[in-house]
Amino acid sequence: MKPIAKYIIIKTVEEEMKTSSGLLLSAEDASQMRYKRGIVIKQGTDVTVIKDNDEIYYDKRAGFTMLIENEPYTIITESDVIVVL
């Protein structure tokens, strides 16, 4: 699989959400968060800053999910990435 232009293929990472005091957030509270964490599987031909295997935070409302070889992947654009870890 090879994305073109500014598209990025990512695998979403489900993370446990905690408050600063150590309390776990419920799934409903966690779903209220605007950003999600993911790992870059493959970057597009015109993506310059983000590389394969980078961990990122991206806007969860961006992009779309599709099945590639029976695995769900999220496709976003480079501009949807907020932070590279």
N, C-alpha and C. Protein backbone atom coordinates (compact mmCIF):
# COMPACT_ATOMS: atom_id res chain seq x y z
N MET A 1 0.85 -1.17 0.00
CA MET A 1 0.00 0.00 0.00
C MET A 1 0.89 1.23 0.00
N LYS A 2 0.54 2.19 -0.81
CA LYS A 2 1.34 3.40 -0.93
C LYS A 2 0.42 4.60 -1.10
N PRO A 3 0.28 5.42 -0.05
CA PRO A 3 -0.56 6.61 -0.19
C PRO A 3 0.13 7.65 -1.06
N ILE A 4 -0.66 8.49 -1.69
CA ILE A 4 -0.10 9.53 -2.53
C ILE A 4 -0.36 10.91 -1.92
N ALA A 5 0.36 11.88 -2.42
CA ALA A 5 0.23 13.28 -2.02
C ALA A 5 0.43 13.45 -0.51
N LYS A 6 -0.46 14.17 0.17
CA LYS A 6 -0.31 14.50 1.58
C LYS A 6 -1.06 13.53 2.50
N TYR A 7 -1.50 12.38 1.97
CA TYR A 7 -2.22 11.41 2.80
C TYR A 7 -1.28 10.57 3.64
N ILE A 8 -1.77 10.17 4.82
CA ILE A 8 -1.00 9.35 5.76
C ILE A 8 -1.89 8.21 6.22
N ILE A 9 -1.35 6.99 6.22
CA ILE A 9 -2.08 5.83 6.73
C ILE A 9 -1.60 5.59 8.16
N ILE A 10 -2.55 5.53 9.09
CA ILE A 10 -2.20 5.33 10.49
C ILE A 10 -3.00 4.19 11.10
N LYS A 11 -2.47 3.65 12.16
CA LYS A 11 -3.16 2.66 12.98
C LYS A 11 -3.47 3.36 14.30
N THR A 12 -4.74 3.43 14.66
CA THR A 12 -5.15 4.10 15.88
C THR A 12 -4.71 3.32 17.10
N VAL A 13 -4.22 4.03 18.12
CA VAL A 13 -3.80 3.44 19.38
C VAL A 13 -4.87 3.75 20.41
N GLU A 14 -5.44 2.71 21.00
CA GLU A 14 -6.41 2.91 22.07
C GLU A 14 -5.64 3.12 23.35
N GLU A 15 -5.82 4.26 23.96
CA GLU A 15 -5.07 4.53 25.18
C GLU A 15 -6.00 4.75 26.36
N GLU A 16 -5.48 4.43 27.53
CA GLU A 16 -6.21 4.60 28.77
C GLU A 16 -6.07 6.06 29.19
N MET A 17 -7.17 6.73 29.47
CA MET A 17 -7.16 8.14 29.83
C MET A 17 -7.23 8.29 31.34
N LYS A 18 -6.28 9.08 31.89
CA LYS A 18 -6.26 9.36 33.32
C LYS A 18 -6.25 10.87 33.54
N THR A 19 -6.84 11.27 34.64
CA THR A 19 -6.77 12.68 35.04
C THR A 19 -5.43 12.91 35.72
N SER A 20 -5.10 14.16 36.00
CA SER A 20 -3.84 14.46 36.67
C SER A 20 -3.76 13.86 38.07
N SER A 21 -4.92 13.60 38.68
CA SER A 21 -4.93 12.98 40.01
C SER A 21 -4.91 11.45 39.94
N GLY A 22 -4.90 10.89 38.73
CA GLY A 22 -4.79 9.45 38.58
C GLY A 22 -6.10 8.71 38.37
N LEU A 23 -7.23 9.42 38.31
CA LEU A 23 -8.51 8.76 38.07
C LEU A 23 -8.65 8.38 36.61
N LEU A 24 -9.15 7.17 36.37
CA LEU A 24 -9.39 6.72 35.01
C LEU A 24 -10.68 7.33 34.49
N LEU A 25 -10.63 7.80 33.24
CA LEU A 25 -11.83 8.34 32.61
C LEU A 25 -12.65 7.21 32.00
N SER A 26 -13.95 7.36 32.04
CA SER A 26 -14.82 6.37 31.41
C SER A 26 -14.68 6.46 29.90
N ALA A 27 -15.15 5.44 29.20
CA ALA A 27 -15.10 5.44 27.74
C ALA A 27 -15.87 6.63 27.18
N GLU A 28 -16.97 6.99 27.83
CA GLU A 28 -17.76 8.13 27.39
C GLU A 28 -16.98 9.43 27.54
N ASP A 29 -16.30 9.60 28.68
CA ASP A 29 -15.48 10.80 28.90
C ASP A 29 -14.32 10.85 27.92
N ALA A 30 -13.68 9.72 27.69
CA ALA A 30 -12.54 9.66 26.78
C ALA A 30 -12.98 9.99 25.36
N SER A 31 -14.20 9.61 24.99
CA SER A 31 -14.68 9.90 23.64
C SER A 31 -14.93 11.39 23.43
N GLN A 32 -15.00 12.14 24.51
CA GLN A 32 -15.19 13.59 24.43
C GLN A 32 -13.89 14.30 24.03
N MET A 33 -12.74 13.63 24.19
CA MET A 33 -11.47 14.23 23.82
C MET A 33 -11.42 14.45 22.32
N ARG A 34 -10.86 15.57 21.90
CA ARG A 34 -10.85 15.90 20.48
C ARG A 34 -9.75 15.18 19.70
N TYR A 35 -8.67 14.81 20.39
CA TYR A 35 -7.53 14.24 19.67
C TYR A 35 -7.32 12.78 20.02
N LYS A 36 -6.83 12.02 19.03
CA LYS A 36 -6.54 10.60 19.22
C LYS A 36 -5.09 10.36 18.90
N ARG A 37 -4.60 9.25 19.41
CA ARG A 37 -3.21 8.86 19.20
C ARG A 37 -3.14 7.78 18.13
N GLY A 38 -2.09 7.81 17.32
CA GLY A 38 -1.92 6.81 16.29
C GLY A 38 -0.46 6.60 15.95
N ILE A 39 -0.19 5.54 15.21
CA ILE A 39 1.15 5.25 14.72
C ILE A 39 1.11 5.29 13.20
N VAL A 40 2.05 6.00 12.61
CA VAL A 40 2.10 6.15 11.16
C VAL A 40 2.58 4.83 10.55
N ILE A 41 1.77 4.29 9.66
CA ILE A 41 2.12 3.06 8.96
C ILE A 41 2.87 3.41 7.68
N LYS A 42 2.35 4.39 6.94
CA LYS A 42 2.97 4.81 5.69
C LYS A 42 2.58 6.25 5.41
N GLN A 43 3.56 7.09 5.03
CA GLN A 43 3.26 8.47 4.68
C GLN A 43 3.20 8.61 3.16
N GLY A 44 2.45 9.62 2.71
CA GLY A 44 2.28 9.86 1.29
C GLY A 44 3.54 10.40 0.62
N THR A 45 3.50 10.49 -0.69
CA THR A 45 4.65 10.90 -1.48
C THR A 45 5.07 12.35 -1.25
N ASP A 46 4.14 13.21 -0.82
CA ASP A 46 4.46 14.62 -0.60
C ASP A 46 4.58 15.01 0.87
N VAL A 47 4.55 14.04 1.78
CA VAL A 47 4.68 14.32 3.21
C VAL A 47 6.17 14.45 3.54
N THR A 48 6.54 15.57 4.18
CA THR A 48 7.95 15.83 4.41
C THR A 48 8.40 15.68 5.86
N VAL A 49 7.54 15.98 6.83
CA VAL A 49 7.95 16.01 8.24
C VAL A 49 7.70 14.69 8.95
N ILE A 50 6.64 14.01 8.62
CA ILE A 50 6.21 12.80 9.33
C ILE A 50 6.78 11.57 8.63
N LYS A 51 7.30 10.64 9.43
CA LYS A 51 7.92 9.42 8.89
C LYS A 51 7.18 8.17 9.38
N ASP A 52 7.45 7.05 8.73
CA ASP A 52 6.89 5.76 9.15
C ASP A 52 7.25 5.49 10.61
N ASN A 53 6.32 4.91 11.35
CA ASN A 53 6.47 4.52 12.76
C ASN A 53 6.46 5.69 13.74
N ASP A 54 6.26 6.92 13.27
CA ASP A 54 6.12 8.05 14.19
C ASP A 54 4.82 7.89 14.98
N GLU A 55 4.84 8.26 16.26
CA GLU A 55 3.61 8.33 17.04
C GLU A 55 3.09 9.75 16.94
N ILE A 56 1.79 9.88 16.69
CA ILE A 56 1.21 11.20 16.47
C ILE A 56 -0.09 11.35 17.25
N TYR A 57 -0.51 12.58 17.43
CA TYR A 57 -1.86 12.92 17.85
C TYR A 57 -2.51 13.63 16.68
N TYR A 58 -3.76 13.27 16.38
CA TYR A 58 -4.46 13.86 15.24
C TYR A 58 -5.90 14.16 15.64
N ASP A 59 -6.52 15.04 14.88
CA ASP A 59 -7.91 15.41 15.11
C ASP A 59 -8.79 14.21 14.79
N LYS A 60 -9.53 13.72 15.79
CA LYS A 60 -10.31 12.48 15.59
C LYS A 60 -11.45 12.66 14.60
N ARG A 61 -11.84 13.89 14.31
CA ARG A 61 -12.91 14.14 13.34
C ARG A 61 -12.40 14.13 11.90
N ALA A 62 -11.10 14.06 11.74
CA ALA A 62 -10.50 14.13 10.41
C ALA A 62 -10.38 12.74 9.80
N GLY A 63 -10.29 12.71 8.51
CA GLY A 63 -10.01 11.47 7.79
C GLY A 63 -11.15 10.48 7.76
N PHE A 64 -10.81 9.26 7.43
CA PHE A 64 -11.79 8.18 7.32
C PHE A 64 -11.08 6.86 7.59
N THR A 65 -11.87 5.84 7.90
CA THR A 65 -11.32 4.51 8.17
C THR A 65 -11.69 3.58 7.03
N MET A 66 -10.74 2.74 6.65
CA MET A 66 -11.02 1.75 5.61
C MET A 66 -10.30 0.45 5.92
N LEU A 67 -10.80 -0.63 5.36
CA LEU A 67 -10.18 -1.94 5.53
C LEU A 67 -9.17 -2.15 4.42
N ILE A 68 -7.93 -2.45 4.82
CA ILE A 68 -6.89 -2.80 3.87
C ILE A 68 -6.35 -4.16 4.32
N GLU A 69 -6.50 -5.16 3.46
CA GLU A 69 -6.10 -6.53 3.80
C GLU A 69 -6.75 -6.98 5.11
N ASN A 70 -8.04 -6.68 5.28
CA ASN A 70 -8.86 -7.05 6.44
C ASN A 70 -8.42 -6.40 7.75
N GLU A 71 -7.65 -5.34 7.70
CA GLU A 71 -7.24 -4.59 8.89
C GLU A 71 -7.77 -3.15 8.76
N PRO A 72 -8.36 -2.61 9.84
CA PRO A 72 -8.84 -1.23 9.77
C PRO A 72 -7.69 -0.23 9.92
N TYR A 73 -7.59 0.71 8.99
CA TYR A 73 -6.60 1.78 9.04
C TYR A 73 -7.34 3.11 8.88
N THR A 74 -6.77 4.14 9.46
CA THR A 74 -7.33 5.48 9.32
C THR A 74 -6.45 6.25 8.34
N ILE A 75 -7.10 6.95 7.42
CA ILE A 75 -6.40 7.75 6.43
C ILE A 75 -6.67 9.22 6.76
N ILE A 76 -5.60 9.98 6.99
CA ILE A 76 -5.71 11.40 7.29
C ILE A 76 -4.76 12.17 6.38
N THR A 77 -4.83 13.50 6.43
CA THR A 77 -3.87 14.31 5.70
C THR A 77 -2.83 14.84 6.66
N GLU A 78 -1.72 15.27 6.14
CA GLU A 78 -0.64 15.80 6.97
C GLU A 78 -1.10 16.96 7.83
N SER A 79 -2.01 17.77 7.33
CA SER A 79 -2.49 18.93 8.08
C SER A 79 -3.37 18.55 9.27
N ASP A 80 -3.85 17.30 9.35
CA ASP A 80 -4.65 16.83 10.48
C ASP A 80 -3.79 16.45 11.69
N VAL A 81 -2.49 16.33 11.51
CA VAL A 81 -1.58 15.95 12.59
C VAL A 81 -1.33 17.17 13.47
N ILE A 82 -1.51 17.00 14.76
CA ILE A 82 -1.33 18.07 15.73
C ILE A 82 0.06 18.00 16.36
N VAL A 83 0.48 16.79 16.77
CA VAL A 83 1.75 16.61 17.48
C VAL A 83 2.42 15.33 16.99
N VAL A 84 3.74 15.38 16.79
CA VAL A 84 4.54 14.19 16.54
C VAL A 84 5.34 13.94 17.80
N LEU A 85 5.21 12.73 18.38
CA LEU A 85 5.94 12.40 19.62
C LEU A 85 7.34 11.93 19.33
